Amino acid sequence: MSTSKSNRYQRFRLTQRKRQNADATNRLSYYEDNNNNSLLNEAGRDAARNAINENKALGLPVTYFKDGWVVREMPDGDIVKVKQVEEVAVSAEELKAKKGIVINVRR
């Protein structure tokens, strides 16, 4: 192979690899597999903010966890304590959690 063909091939392969890497980072599984939760955290925050704003606009209560209690904030600003909850910190290792596991939570 001549030098110019070799250089062109190397540039082609480099471009191809860059494109593949860009495609990989556009997939959600890339962020899950590489423990890069920033995108997922940002999406969760945005979804929560939108849901809260929508509930307030519709005059619906917003329910959330605060200081060991499940609380419901009414449209008029009153806060009602619904249920006290014992916080339990469990690590992924303790759960033996793996990607794709389904966790059922009892009420």
C-alpha atoms as a PDB file:
ATOM      1  CA  MET A   1       0.000   0.000   0.000  1.00  0.00           C
ATOM      2  CA  SER A   2       1.383   3.409  -0.849  1.00  0.00           C
ATOM      3  CA  THR A   3       1.919   6.033   1.846  1.00  0.00           C
ATOM      4  CA  SER A   4      -0.971   8.239   0.693  1.00  0.00           C
ATOM      5  CA  LYS A   5      -3.368   5.262   0.624  1.00  0.00           C
ATOM      6  CA  SER A   6      -2.151   4.189   4.057  1.00  0.00           C
ATOM      7  CA  ASN A   7      -2.680   7.701   5.469  1.00  0.00           C
ATOM      8  CA  ARG A   8      -6.125   7.917   3.923  1.00  0.00           C
ATOM      9  CA  TYR A   9      -7.038   4.523   5.388  1.00  0.00           C
ATOM     10  CA  GLN A  10      -5.797   5.571   8.847  1.00  0.00           C
ATOM     11  CA  ARG A  11      -7.809   8.815   8.664  1.00  0.00           C
ATOM     12  CA  PHE A  12     -10.851   6.829   7.528  1.00  0.00           C
ATOM     13  CA  ARG A  13     -10.511   4.376  10.453  1.00  0.00           C
ATOM     14  CA  LEU A  14     -10.018   7.241  12.923  1.00  0.00           C
ATOM     15  CA  THR A  15     -13.131   9.002  11.628  1.00  0.00           C
ATOM     16  CA  GLN A  16     -15.049   5.741  11.794  1.00  0.00           C
ATOM     17  CA  ARG A  17     -13.952   5.147  15.423  1.00  0.00           C
ATOM     18  CA  LYS A  18     -14.929   8.691  16.422  1.00  0.00           C
ATOM     19  CA  ARG A  19     -18.343   8.183  14.853  1.00  0.00           C
ATOM     20  CA  GLN A  20     -18.801   4.869  16.679  1.00  0.00           C
ATOM     21  CA  ASN A  21     -17.819   6.467  20.003  1.00  0.00           C
ATOM     22  CA  ALA A  22     -20.233   9.340  19.399  1.00  0.00           C
ATOM     23  CA  ASP A  23     -23.019   6.843  18.593  1.00  0.00           C
ATOM     24  CA  ALA A  24     -22.245   4.893  21.791  1.00  0.00           C
ATOM     25  CA  THR A  25     -22.465   7.969  24.025  1.00  0.00           C
ATOM     26  CA  ASN A  26     -25.862   8.792  22.533  1.00  0.00           C
ATOM     27  CA  ARG A  27     -27.264   5.535  23.889  1.00  0.00           C
ATOM     28  CA  LEU A  28     -28.691   5.409  27.414  1.00  0.00           C
ATOM     29  CA  SER A  29     -27.022   2.048  28.080  1.00  0.00           C
ATOM     30  CA  TYR A  30     -23.589   3.701  27.668  1.00  0.00           C
ATOM     31  CA  TYR A  31     -24.281   5.918  30.683  1.00  0.00           C
ATOM     32  CA  GLU A  32     -25.695   3.028  32.712  1.00  0.00           C
ATOM     33  CA  ASP A  33     -22.773   0.719  31.924  1.00  0.00           C
ATOM     34  CA  ASN A  34     -20.114   3.329  32.685  1.00  0.00           C
ATOM     35  CA  ASN A  35     -21.633   4.546  35.968  1.00  0.00           C
ATOM     36  CA  ASN A  36     -22.041   8.007  34.504  1.00  0.00           C
ATOM     37  CA  ASN A  37     -25.259   8.995  36.207  1.00  0.00           C
ATOM     38  CA  SER A  38     -25.096  12.720  35.505  1.00  0.00           C
ATOM     39  CA  LEU A  39     -27.415  12.464  32.493  1.00  0.00           C
ATOM     40  CA  LEU A  40     -29.863  10.236  34.357  1.00  0.00           C
ATOM     41  CA  ASN A  41     -29.810  12.500  37.431  1.00  0.00           C
ATOM     42  CA  GLU A  42     -30.445  15.560  35.291  1.00  0.00           C
ATOM     43  CA  ALA A  43     -33.331  13.842  33.490  1.00  0.00           C
ATOM     44  CA  GLY A  44     -34.831  12.785  36.828  1.00  0.00           C
ATOM     45  CA  ARG A  45     -34.562  16.294  38.271  1.00  0.00           C
ATOM     46  CA  ASP A  46     -36.174  17.795  35.167  1.00  0.00           C
ATOM     47  CA  ALA A  47     -39.015  15.249  35.245  1.00  0.00           C
ATOM     48  CA  ALA A  48     -39.638  15.877  38.951  1.00  0.00           C
ATOM     49  CA  ARG A  49     -39.582  19.652  38.491  1.00  0.00           C
ATOM     50  CA  ASN A  50     -42.040  19.397  35.587  1.00  0.00           C
ATOM     51  CA  ALA A  51     -44.382  17.107  37.551  1.00  0.00           C
ATOM     52  CA  ILE A  52     -44.356  19.451  40.566  1.00  0.00           C
ATOM     53  CA  ASN A  53     -45.040  22.506  38.408  1.00  0.00           C
ATOM     54  CA  GLU A  54     -47.821  20.676  36.571  1.00  0.00           C
ATOM     55  CA  ASN A  55     -49.477  19.591  39.841  1.00  0.00           C
ATOM     56  CA  LYS A  56     -49.316  23.126  41.201  1.00  0.00           C
ATOM     57  CA  ALA A  57     -50.778  24.542  37.980  1.00  0.00           C
ATOM     58  CA  LEU A  58     -53.652  22.039  38.168  1.00  0.00           C
ATOM     59  CA  GLY A  59     -54.255  22.675  41.877  1.00  0.00           C
ATOM     60  CA  LEU A  60     -53.196  19.160  42.891  1.00  0.00           C
ATOM     61  CA  PRO A  61     -51.201  18.221  46.008  1.00  0.00           C
ATOM     62  CA  VAL A  62     -47.516  17.281  45.747  1.00  0.00           C
ATOM     63  CA  THR A  63     -46.314  14.290  47.774  1.00  0.00           C
ATOM     64  CA  TYR A  64     -42.663  13.853  48.767  1.00  0.00           C
ATOM     65  CA  PHE A  65     -40.313  12.602  51.496  1.00  0.00           C
ATOM     66  CA  LYS A  66     -39.055  15.042  54.136  1.00  0.00           C
ATOM     67  CA  ASP A  67     -37.397  14.518  57.536  1.00  0.00           C
ATOM     68  CA  GLY A  68     -38.442  10.869  57.820  1.00  0.00           C
ATOM     69  CA  TRP A  69     -42.044  11.548  56.788  1.00  0.00           C
ATOM     70  CA  VAL A  70     -44.060  11.156  53.625  1.00  0.00           C
ATOM     71  CA  VAL A  71     -45.700  14.560  53.379  1.00  0.00           C
ATOM     72  CA  ARG A  72     -48.367  15.986  51.115  1.00  0.00           C
ATOM     73  CA  GLU A  73     -48.194  19.680  50.272  1.00  0.00           C
ATOM     74  CA  MET A  74     -51.629  21.010  49.457  1.00  0.00           C
ATOM     75  CA  PRO A  75     -52.244  23.661  46.792  1.00  0.00           C
ATOM     76  CA  ASP A  76     -52.915  26.269  49.529  1.00  0.00           C
ATOM     77  CA  GLY A  77     -49.458  25.603  51.046  1.00  0.00           C
ATOM     78  CA  ASP A  78     -50.575  23.450  54.003  1.00  0.00           C
ATOM     79  CA  ILE A  79     -48.349  20.456  54.672  1.00  0.00           C
ATOM     80  CA  VAL A  80     -49.923  17.220  55.896  1.00  0.00           C
ATOM     81  CA  LYS A  81     -47.747  14.444  57.344  1.00  0.00           C
ATOM     82  CA  VAL A  82     -49.019  11.227  55.780  1.00  0.00           C
ATOM     83  CA  LYS A  83     -46.802   8.539  57.291  1.00  0.00           C
ATOM     84  CA  GLN A  84     -43.537   8.286  59.181  1.00  0.00           C
ATOM     85  CA  VAL A  85     -41.005   6.154  57.356  1.00  0.00           C
ATOM     86  CA  GLU A  86     -37.942   4.494  58.790  1.00  0.00           C
ATOM     87  CA  GLU A  87     -35.004   5.197  56.509  1.00  0.00           C
ATOM     88  CA  VAL A  88     -33.050   2.090  55.646  1.00  0.00           C
ATOM     89  CA  ALA A  89     -29.774   2.453  53.809  1.00  0.00           C
ATOM     90  CA  VAL A  90     -29.043  -0.603  51.703  1.00  0.00           C
ATOM     91  CA  SER A  91     -26.115  -0.808  49.330  1.00  0.00           C
ATOM     92  CA  ALA A  92     -26.209  -2.488  45.929  1.00  0.00           C
ATOM     93  CA  GLU A  93     -23.779  -5.106  47.254  1.00  0.00           C
ATOM     94  CA  GLU A  94     -26.171  -5.989  50.082  1.00  0.00           C
ATOM     95  CA  LEU A  95     -29.019  -6.346  47.600  1.00  0.00           C
ATOM     96  CA  LYS A  96     -26.795  -8.326  45.236  1.00  0.00           C
ATOM     97  CA  ALA A  97     -28.262  -6.069  42.580  1.00  0.00           C
ATOM     98  CA  LYS A  98     -27.294  -6.504  38.959  1.00  0.00           C
ATOM     99  CA  LYS A  99     -28.261  -4.674  35.818  1.00  0.00           C
ATOM    100  CA  GLY A 100     -31.824  -5.531  34.869  1.00  0.00           C
ATOM    101  CA  ILE A 101     -32.928  -6.719  38.326  1.00  0.00           C
ATOM    102  CA  VAL A 102     -36.571  -6.099  39.249  1.00  0.00           C
ATOM    103  CA  ILE A 103     -37.129  -4.846  42.788  1.00  0.00           C
ATOM    104  CA  ASN A 104     -40.588  -5.169  44.330  1.00  0.00           C
ATOM    105  CA  VAL A 105     -41.401  -2.778  47.150  1.00  0.00           C
ATOM    106  CA  ARG A 106     -44.172  -3.641  49.594  1.00  0.00           C
ATOM    107  CA  ARG A 107     -46.498  -0.904  50.844  1.00  0.00           C
END
